[in-house]
Amino acid sequence: MKKPLILVTNDDGITAKGIKSLVEAVQEFGDVVVVAPDSPQSGMGHAITVNQPLRLTASTIFEGIEAYTCTGTPVDCVKLAIYEIFKRKPDILVSGINHGDNSSSNVLYSGTMSAAVEGAMEAIPSVGFSLLDHGSDADFTTSKHVVKKVMQQLLTQKFPLGTCLNVNIPNCAVEDLKGIKICRQGKAHWEDRFDKRLDQFGKPYYWLTGEFKRVDKGSEADTLALDQNWASVVPIQYDMTAHHLIPELTEWDL
């Protein structure tokens, strides 16, 4: 039997420590091909490049692994991989390991998770992995442990089409990890602030900053699980229809 074909991508760029750790964790499970941005693309969400050409360049950054850099977004990487690089559709898509939290509403902004959602739209079992540590030299030992656990299940369980998994890992040692918990998306939001500064010409510019407010105390919320040193797994779908509101809206006088 052919080995599973595994597409690896991310949003932190091909030189990030997180994607190197992800490649190391999944390469025992199949034939790995990496297609990742040539520069950081955090916070790009599901953006695609339509107003300028994309460039794809072969890379030797991972020894013995076929790899390419792309000048576009994480979703661009997935699209190019599927339609220009692979001779057959990949069996699994994994994205990450992101440097930073993608729990709760962060999933809407995340390039890491948008790559996984794009895989789901292509009917590919897809997972985004994120570590709650923004440091460029973060320790991904626990993350690799979680990745391998999830990969074992991906290869043995039937994966529902049209969905993907959002996996977040607390910043703790393997021996302090309580386990992996199936969760729902917790309620949280960013309280945005802009740091206003002046350039050398006296004209204002802005840096987006703010604080992430976790307001959900529910036992099934991914935010709470992470606070308690559980790795959280949230099933995600790209159908954003609020189905429960359809009966109510049909009563409107439209």
C-alpha atoms as a PDB file:
ATOM      1  CA  MET A   1       0.000   0.000   0.000  1.00  0.00           C
ATOM      2  CA  LYS A   2       1.088   3.559  -0.691  1.00  0.00           C
ATOM      3  CA  LYS A   3       2.135   5.627   2.283  1.00  0.00           C
ATOM      4  CA  PRO A   4      -0.245   8.476   3.163  1.00  0.00           C
ATOM      5  CA  LEU A   5       0.638  11.720   1.405  1.00  0.00           C
ATOM      6  CA  ILE A   6       0.900  14.498   4.001  1.00  0.00           C
ATOM      7  CA  LEU A   7       0.866  18.206   3.143  1.00  0.00           C
ATOM      8  CA  VAL A   8       2.514  20.417   5.765  1.00  0.00           C
ATOM      9  CA  THR A   9       2.036  24.179   5.822  1.00  0.00           C
ATOM     10  CA  ASN A  10       1.903  27.061   8.310  1.00  0.00           C
ATOM     11  CA  ASP A  11       1.554  30.830   8.625  1.00  0.00           C
ATOM     12  CA  ASP A  12       4.782  31.656  10.498  1.00  0.00           C
ATOM     13  CA  GLY A  13       6.901  30.951   7.424  1.00  0.00           C
ATOM     14  CA  ILE A  14       9.054  28.043   6.341  1.00  0.00           C
ATOM     15  CA  THR A  15      11.972  28.996   8.633  1.00  0.00           C
ATOM     16  CA  ALA A  16       9.867  28.908  11.823  1.00  0.00           C
ATOM     17  CA  LYS A  17      10.784  26.388  14.503  1.00  0.00           C
ATOM     18  CA  GLY A  18       7.148  25.299  14.703  1.00  0.00           C
ATOM     19  CA  ILE A  19       6.938  23.905  11.176  1.00  0.00           C
ATOM     20  CA  LYS A  20      10.271  22.135  11.614  1.00  0.00           C
ATOM     21  CA  SER A  21       8.848  20.467  14.719  1.00  0.00           C
ATOM     22  CA  LEU A  22       5.672  19.523  12.845  1.00  0.00           C
ATOM     23  CA  VAL A  23       7.655  17.909  10.024  1.00  0.00           C
ATOM     24  CA  GLU A  24       9.674  15.922  12.564  1.00  0.00           C
ATOM     25  CA  ALA A  25       6.470  14.742  14.263  1.00  0.00           C
ATOM     26  CA  VAL A  26       4.569  13.608  11.153  1.00  0.00           C
ATOM     27  CA  GLN A  27       7.265  12.234   8.849  1.00  0.00           C
ATOM     28  CA  GLU A  28       7.019   8.749  10.389  1.00  0.00           C
ATOM     29  CA  PHE A  29       3.371   8.572   9.282  1.00  0.00           C
ATOM     30  CA  GLY A  30       3.796   9.037   5.551  1.00  0.00           C
ATOM     31  CA  ASP A  31       5.392  10.900   2.656  1.00  0.00           C
ATOM     32  CA  VAL A  32       5.699  14.562   3.610  1.00  0.00           C
ATOM     33  CA  VAL A  33       5.655  17.560   1.287  1.00  0.00           C
ATOM     34  CA  VAL A  34       6.004  21.067   2.712  1.00  0.00           C
ATOM     35  CA  VAL A  35       4.533  24.150   1.043  1.00  0.00           C
ATOM     36  CA  ALA A  36       4.819  27.190   3.292  1.00  0.00           C
ATOM     37  CA  PRO A  37       5.016  30.988   3.041  1.00  0.00           C
ATOM     38  CA  ASP A  38       8.442  32.468   2.440  1.00  0.00           C
ATOM     39  CA  SER A  39       7.779  35.050   5.168  1.00  0.00           C
ATOM     40  CA  PRO A  40       5.489  35.328   8.223  1.00  0.00           C
ATOM     41  CA  GLN A  41       1.778  35.524   7.366  1.00  0.00           C
ATOM     42  CA  SER A  42       0.201  35.549  10.830  1.00  0.00           C
ATOM     43  CA  GLY A  43      -3.284  37.022  11.083  1.00  0.00           C
ATOM     44  CA  MET A  44      -3.971  36.672   7.364  1.00  0.00           C
ATOM     45  CA  GLY A  45      -7.092  34.588   7.956  1.00  0.00           C
ATOM     46  CA  HIS A  46      -8.489  33.095   4.747  1.00  0.00           C
ATOM     47  CA  ALA A  47      -6.903  35.696   2.487  1.00  0.00           C
ATOM     48  CA  ILE A  48      -5.863  34.743  -1.042  1.00  0.00           C
ATOM     49  CA  THR A  49      -3.656  36.622  -3.477  1.00  0.00           C
ATOM     50  CA  VAL A  50      -5.535  37.962  -6.511  1.00  0.00           C
ATOM     51  CA  ASN A  51      -3.807  41.230  -7.474  1.00  0.00           C
ATOM     52  CA  GLN A  52      -0.251  40.034  -7.988  1.00  0.00           C
ATOM     53  CA  PRO A  53       1.469  36.884  -9.235  1.00  0.00           C
ATOM     54  CA  LEU A  54       2.526  34.083  -6.930  1.00  0.00           C
ATOM     55  CA  ARG A  55       5.968  32.513  -6.984  1.00  0.00           C
ATOM     56  CA  LEU A  56       6.790  28.972  -5.901  1.00  0.00           C
ATOM     57  CA  THR A  57      10.412  28.061  -5.155  1.00  0.00           C
ATOM     58  CA  ALA A  58      11.897  24.679  -4.263  1.00  0.00           C
ATOM     59  CA  SER A  59      13.637  24.606  -0.866  1.00  0.00           C
ATOM     60  CA  THR A  60      16.216  22.301   0.724  1.00  0.00           C
ATOM     61  CA  ILE A  61      15.570  23.540   4.262  1.00  0.00           C
ATOM     62  CA  PHE A  62      14.355  20.110   5.450  1.00  0.00           C
ATOM     63  CA  GLU A  63      16.834  17.333   4.736  1.00  0.00           C
ATOM     64  CA  GLY A  64      15.247  14.554   2.685  1.00  0.00           C
ATOM     65  CA  ILE A  65      11.861  16.329   2.526  1.00  0.00           C
ATOM     66  CA  GLU A  66      10.347  17.831  -0.626  1.00  0.00           C
ATOM     67  CA  ALA A  67       9.622  21.457   0.222  1.00  0.00           C
ATOM     68  CA  TYR A  68       8.609  24.719  -1.441  1.00  0.00           C
ATOM     69  CA  THR A  69       8.240  28.338  -0.432  1.00  0.00           C
ATOM     70  CA  CYS A  70       5.357  30.469  -1.669  1.00  0.00           C
ATOM     71  CA  THR A  71       5.187  34.253  -1.843  1.00  0.00           C
ATOM     72  CA  GLY A  72       1.522  34.212  -0.852  1.00  0.00           C
ATOM     73  CA  THR A  73      -0.707  33.415   2.107  1.00  0.00           C
ATOM     74  CA  PRO A  74      -1.224  30.066   3.851  1.00  0.00           C
ATOM     75  CA  VAL A  75      -4.357  29.453   1.765  1.00  0.00           C
ATOM     76  CA  ASP A  76      -2.375  30.256  -1.396  1.00  0.00           C
ATOM     77  CA  CYS A  77       0.115  27.593  -0.286  1.00  0.00           C
ATOM     78  CA  VAL A  78      -2.619  24.976   0.024  1.00  0.00           C
ATOM     79  CA  LYS A  79      -4.156  25.842  -3.337  1.00  0.00           C
ATOM     80  CA  LEU A  80      -0.810  25.744  -5.156  1.00  0.00           C
ATOM     81  CA  ALA A  81       0.121  22.477  -3.461  1.00  0.00           C
ATOM     82  CA  ILE A  82      -3.090  20.747  -4.507  1.00  0.00           C
ATOM     83  CA  TYR A  83      -3.335  22.062  -8.054  1.00  0.00           C
ATOM     84  CA  GLU A  84       0.302  22.566  -9.107  1.00  0.00           C
ATOM     85  CA  ILE A  85       2.537  20.267  -7.051  1.00  0.00           C
ATOM     86  CA  PHE A  86       0.684  17.081  -6.177  1.00  0.00           C
ATOM     87  CA  LYS A  87      -0.190  14.487  -8.773  1.00  0.00           C
ATOM     88  CA  ARG A  88      -2.933  13.266  -6.442  1.00  0.00           C
ATOM     89  CA  LYS A  89      -4.787  14.966  -3.614  1.00  0.00           C
ATOM     90  CA  PRO A  90      -2.978  14.685  -0.261  1.00  0.00           C
ATOM     91  CA  ASP A  91      -4.425  12.259   2.258  1.00  0.00           C
ATOM     92  CA  ILE A  92      -3.859  14.562   5.233  1.00  0.00           C
ATOM     93  CA  LEU A  93      -3.132  18.270   5.668  1.00  0.00           C
ATOM     94  CA  VAL A  94      -1.454  19.561   8.825  1.00  0.00           C
ATOM     95  CA  SER A  95      -0.818  23.221   9.545  1.00  0.00           C
ATOM     96  CA  GLY A  96       1.457  24.746  12.188  1.00  0.00           C
ATOM     97  CA  ILE A  97       2.778  24.306  14.717  1.00  0.00           C
ATOM     98  CA  ASN A  98       1.745  27.914  15.262  1.00  0.00           C
ATOM     99  CA  HIS A  99       3.730  30.131  17.598  1.00  0.00           C
ATOM    100  CA  GLY A 100       0.805  31.372  19.684  1.00  0.00           C
ATOM    101  CA  ASP A 101      -2.780  30.724  20.769  1.00  0.00           C
ATOM    102  CA  ASN A 102      -5.491  29.946  18.201  1.00  0.00           C
ATOM    103  CA  SER A 103      -8.237  29.031  20.661  1.00  0.00           C
ATOM    104  CA  SER A 104     -11.656  30.693  20.821  1.00  0.00           C
ATOM    105  CA  SER A 105     -12.235  33.609  18.408  1.00  0.00           C
ATOM    106  CA  ASN A 106      -8.570  33.635  17.391  1.00  0.00           C
ATOM    107  CA  VAL A 107      -9.538  30.926  14.900  1.00  0.00           C
ATOM    108  CA  LEU A 108     -11.197  33.602  12.741  1.00  0.00           C
ATOM    109  CA  TYR A 109      -7.956  35.543  12.254  1.00  0.00           C
ATOM    110  CA  SER A 110      -5.577  32.607  12.077  1.00  0.00           C
ATOM    111  CA  GLY A 111      -3.665  31.821   8.911  1.00  0.00           C
ATOM    112  CA  THR A 112      -2.756  28.472  10.478  1.00  0.00           C
ATOM    113  CA  MET A 113      -6.387  27.485  10.828  1.00  0.00           C
ATOM    114  CA  SER A 114      -7.433  28.977   7.484  1.00  0.00           C
ATOM    115  CA  ALA A 115      -5.000  26.612   5.777  1.00  0.00           C
ATOM    116  CA  ALA A 116      -6.725  23.731   7.591  1.00  0.00           C
ATOM    117  CA  VAL A 117     -10.166  25.058   6.631  1.00  0.00           C
ATOM    118  CA  GLU A 118      -9.057  25.238   2.997  1.00  0.00           C
ATOM    119  CA  GLY A 119      -8.046  21.590   3.262  1.00  0.00           C
ATOM    120  CA  ALA A 120     -11.498  20.775   4.635  1.00  0.00           C
ATOM    121  CA  MET A 121     -13.085  22.577   1.681  1.00  0.00           C
ATOM    122  CA  GLU A 122     -11.078  20.235  -0.557  1.00  0.00           C
ATOM    123  CA  ALA A 123     -12.371  17.180   1.376  1.00  0.00           C
ATOM    124  CA  ILE A 124      -8.945  16.529   2.930  1.00  0.00           C
ATOM    125  CA  PRO A 125      -8.732  15.521   6.613  1.00  0.00           C
ATOM    126  CA  SER A 126      -7.033  18.615   8.021  1.00  0.00           C
ATOM    127  CA  VAL A 127      -5.704  19.797  11.379  1.00  0.00           C
ATOM    128  CA  GLY A 128      -4.227  23.050  12.626  1.00  0.00           C
ATOM    129  CA  PHE A 129      -1.821  22.844  15.589  1.00  0.00           C
ATOM    130  CA  SER A 130      -0.905  25.766  17.835  1.00  0.00           C
ATOM    131  CA  LEU A 131       1.283  26.149  20.917  1.00  0.00           C
ATOM    132  CA  LEU A 132       0.510  28.768  23.554  1.00  0.00           C
ATOM    133  CA  ASP A 133       3.972  30.296  23.274  1.00  0.00           C
ATOM    134  CA  HIS A 134       4.780  33.148  20.891  1.00  0.00           C
ATOM    135  CA  GLY A 135       8.529  32.798  21.335  1.00  0.00           C
ATOM    136  CA  SER A 136      10.557  32.111  18.203  1.00  0.00           C
ATOM    137  CA  ASP A 137      12.589  29.532  20.170  1.00  0.00           C
ATOM    138  CA  ALA A 138       9.623  27.919  21.950  1.00  0.00           C
ATOM    139  CA  ASP A 139       9.895  24.335  23.214  1.00  0.00           C
ATOM    140  CA  PHE A 140       7.721  22.126  20.973  1.00  0.00           C
ATOM    141  CA  THR A 141       8.384  18.830  22.784  1.00  0.00           C
ATOM    142  CA  THR A 142       4.862  18.589  24.222  1.00  0.00           C
ATOM    143  CA  SER A 143       3.365  19.763  20.932  1.00  0.00           C
ATOM    144  CA  LYS A 144       5.086  16.960  19.013  1.00  0.00           C
ATOM    145  CA  HIS A 145       3.709  14.464  21.539  1.00  0.00           C
ATOM    146  CA  VAL A 146       0.167  15.763  20.896  1.00  0.00           C
ATOM    147  CA  VAL A 147       0.657  15.844  17.112  1.00  0.00           C
ATOM    148  CA  LYS A 148       1.618  12.165  17.071  1.00  0.00           C
ATOM    149  CA  LYS A 149      -1.423  11.234  19.166  1.00  0.00           C
ATOM    150  CA  VAL A 150      -3.741  13.077  16.789  1.00  0.00           C
ATOM    151  CA  MET A 151      -2.046  11.666  13.680  1.00  0.00           C
ATOM    152  CA  GLN A 152      -2.530   8.110  14.935  1.00  0.00           C
ATOM    153  CA  GLN A 153      -6.267   8.748  15.139  1.00  0.00           C
ATOM    154  CA  LEU A 154      -6.452  10.484  11.767  1.00  0.00           C
ATOM    155  CA  LEU A 155      -5.030   7.388  10.128  1.00  0.00           C
ATOM    156  CA  THR A 156      -7.359   4.942  11.874  1.00  0.00           C
ATOM    157  CA  GLN A 157     -10.680   6.796  12.267  1.00  0.00           C
ATOM    158  CA  LYS A 158     -13.193   7.964   9.670  1.00  0.00           C
ATOM    159  CA  PHE A 159     -12.913  11.735   9.363  1.00  0.00           C
ATOM    160  CA  PRO A 160     -16.135  13.699   8.643  1.00  0.00           C
ATOM    161  CA  LEU A 161     -15.893  15.607   5.351  1.00  0.00           C
ATOM    162  CA  GLY A 162     -16.287  19.371   5.434  1.00  0.00           C
ATOM    163  CA  THR A 163     -14.640  19.692   8.837  1.00  0.00           C
ATOM    164  CA  CYS A 164     -11.194  20.150  10.326  1.00  0.00           C
ATOM    165  CA  LEU A 165      -9.675  20.152  13.801  1.00  0.00           C
ATOM    166  CA  ASN A 166      -8.312  23.084  15.780  1.00  0.00           C
ATOM    167  CA  VAL A 167      -5.735  21.721  18.233  1.00  0.00           C
ATOM    168  CA  ASN A 168      -4.176  23.996  20.834  1.00  0.00           C
ATOM    169  CA  ILE A 169      -1.429  22.885  23.202  1.00  0.00           C
ATOM    170  CA  PRO A 170      -0.619  24.486  26.569  1.00  0.00           C
ATOM    171  CA  ASN A 171       2.907  25.667  27.218  1.00  0.00           C
ATOM    172  CA  CYS A 172       3.907  22.949  29.660  1.00  0.00           C
ATOM    173  CA  ALA A 173       6.157  19.919  29.912  1.00  0.00           C
ATOM    174  CA  VAL A 174       4.870  16.545  28.679  1.00  0.00           C
ATOM    175  CA  GLU A 175       4.692  15.221  32.249  1.00  0.00           C
ATOM    176  CA  ASP A 176       2.491  18.184  33.242  1.00  0.00           C
ATOM    177  CA  LEU A 177       0.049  17.733  30.333  1.00  0.00           C
ATOM    178  CA  LYS A 178      -3.234  16.316  31.666  1.00  0.00           C
ATOM    179  CA  GLY A 179      -4.193  14.870  28.297  1.00  0.00           C
ATOM    180  CA  ILE A 180      -6.126  15.780  25.160  1.00  0.00           C
ATOM    181  CA  LYS A 181      -9.693  17.029  25.575  1.00  0.00           C
ATOM    182  CA  ILE A 182     -12.473  17.431  23.002  1.00  0.00           C
ATOM    183  CA  CYS A 183     -13.887  20.933  23.475  1.00  0.00           C
ATOM    184  CA  ARG A 184     -16.103  23.595  22.002  1.00  0.00           C
ATOM    185  CA  GLN A 185     -14.885  27.032  21.005  1.00  0.00           C
ATOM    186  CA  GLY A 186     -14.803  29.178  24.131  1.00  0.00           C
ATOM    187  CA  LYS A 187     -16.187  32.689  24.282  1.00  0.00           C
ATOM    188  CA  ALA A 188     -13.443  35.289  24.308  1.00  0.00           C
ATOM    189  CA  HIS A 189     -12.598  38.506  22.490  1.00  0.00           C
ATOM    190  CA  TRP A 190      -9.841  40.979  21.880  1.00  0.00           C
ATOM    191  CA  GLU A 191     -10.041  44.396  23.509  1.00  0.00           C
ATOM    192  CA  ASP A 192      -8.204  46.176  20.732  1.00  0.00           C
ATOM    193  CA  ARG A 193      -5.952  49.173  21.219  1.00  0.00           C
ATOM    194  CA  PHE A 194      -3.823  51.083  18.738  1.00  0.00           C
ATOM    195  CA  ASP A 195      -0.403  52.405  19.639  1.00  0.00           C
ATOM    196  CA  LYS A 196      -0.224  55.708  17.780  1.00  0.00           C
ATOM    197  CA  ARG A 197       3.257  56.910  16.823  1.00  0.00           C
ATOM    198  CA  LEU A 198       4.814  59.496  14.527  1.00  0.00           C
ATOM    199  CA  ASP A 199       7.220  58.772  11.687  1.00  0.00           C
ATOM    200  CA  GLN A 200      10.261  60.916  10.840  1.00  0.00           C
ATOM    201  CA  PHE A 201       8.027  63.246   8.869  1.00  0.00           C
ATOM    202  CA  GLY A 202       5.654  63.826  11.760  1.00  0.00           C
ATOM    203  CA  LYS A 203       2.858  61.753  10.213  1.00  0.00           C
ATOM    204  CA  PRO A 204       0.956  59.306  12.424  1.00  0.00           C
ATOM    205  CA  TYR A 205       1.032  55.536  12.077  1.00  0.00           C
ATOM    206  CA  TYR A 206      -0.496  52.797  14.206  1.00  0.00           C
ATOM    207  CA  TRP A 207       0.472  49.427  15.728  1.00  0.00           C
ATOM    208  CA  LEU A 208      -2.425  47.146  16.632  1.00  0.00           C
ATOM    209  CA  THR A 209      -2.216  45.844  20.185  1.00  0.00           C
ATOM    210  CA  GLY A 210      -4.672  44.843  22.884  1.00  0.00           C
ATOM    211  CA  GLU A 211      -5.603  42.217  25.451  1.00  0.00           C
ATOM    212  CA  PHE A 212      -7.281  38.849  24.934  1.00  0.00           C
ATOM    213  CA  LYS A 213     -10.216  38.560  27.341  1.00  0.00           C
ATOM    214  CA  ARG A 214     -11.372  35.043  28.215  1.00  0.00           C
ATOM    215  CA  VAL A 215     -14.944  35.288  29.513  1.00  0.00           C
ATOM    216  CA  ASP A 216     -16.129  31.687  29.155  1.00  0.00           C
ATOM    217  CA  LYS A 217     -16.086  29.616  32.351  1.00  0.00           C
ATOM    218  CA  GLY A 218     -17.854  26.615  30.809  1.00  0.00           C
ATOM    219  CA  SER A 219     -16.221  23.259  31.490  1.00  0.00           C
ATOM    220  CA  GLU A 220     -16.279  22.361  27.776  1.00  0.00           C
ATOM    221  CA  ALA A 221     -14.615  25.561  26.554  1.00  0.00           C
ATOM    222  CA  ASP A 222     -11.200  25.253  24.915  1.00  0.00           C
ATOM    223  CA  THR A 223      -9.946  28.312  26.810  1.00  0.00           C
ATOM    224  CA  LEU A 224     -10.625  26.706  30.192  1.00  0.00           C
ATOM    225  CA  ALA A 225      -9.125  23.380  29.145  1.00  0.00           C
ATOM    226  CA  LEU A 226      -5.907  25.110  28.123  1.00  0.00           C
ATOM    227  CA  ASP A 227      -5.764  27.003  31.420  1.00  0.00           C
ATOM    228  CA  GLN A 228      -5.904  23.618  33.165  1.00  0.00           C
ATOM    229  CA  ASN A 229      -3.060  22.137  31.058  1.00  0.00           C
ATOM    230  CA  TRP A 230      -5.227  20.103  28.693  1.00  0.00           C
ATOM    231  CA  ALA A 231      -4.558  20.145  24.957  1.00  0.00           C
ATOM    232  CA  SER A 232      -7.849  21.177  23.343  1.00  0.00           C
ATOM    233  CA  VAL A 233      -9.367  19.721  20.172  1.00  0.00           C
ATOM    234  CA  VAL A 234     -12.241  21.683  18.626  1.00  0.00           C
ATOM    235  CA  PRO A 235     -14.009  20.440  15.479  1.00  0.00           C
ATOM    236  CA  ILE A 236     -14.417  23.293  12.994  1.00  0.00           C
ATOM    237  CA  GLN A 237     -16.702  23.611   9.963  1.00  0.00           C
ATOM    238  CA  TYR A 238     -16.596  26.159   7.169  1.00  0.00           C
ATOM    239  CA  ASP A 239     -20.388  26.314   6.889  1.00  0.00           C
ATOM    240  CA  MET A 240     -20.965  29.476   8.953  1.00  0.00           C
ATOM    241  CA  THR A 241     -24.755  29.412   8.628  1.00  0.00           C
ATOM    242  CA  ALA A 242     -26.534  30.120  11.924  1.00  0.00           C
ATOM    243  CA  HIS A 243     -29.012  27.313  11.282  1.00  0.00           C
ATOM    244  CA  HIS A 244     -30.895  27.898  14.539  1.00  0.00           C
ATOM    245  CA  LEU A 245     -31.933  31.377  13.334  1.00  0.00           C
ATOM    246  CA  ILE A 246     -33.482  30.273  10.040  1.00  0.00           C
ATOM    247  CA  PRO A 247     -36.952  29.497  11.519  1.00  0.00           C
ATOM    248  CA  GLU A 248     -36.978  32.879  13.289  1.00  0.00           C
ATOM    249  CA  LEU A 249     -35.914  34.837  10.200  1.00  0.00           C
ATOM    250  CA  THR A 250     -38.592  33.184   8.071  1.00  0.00           C
ATOM    251  CA  GLU A 251     -41.126  35.036  10.255  1.00  0.00           C
ATOM    252  CA  TRP A 252     -39.722  38.419   9.258  1.00  0.00           C
ATOM    253  CA  ASP A 253     -41.746  40.518   6.806  1.00  0.00           C
ATOM    254  CA  LEU A 254     -39.220  40.480   3.975  1.00  0.00           C
END
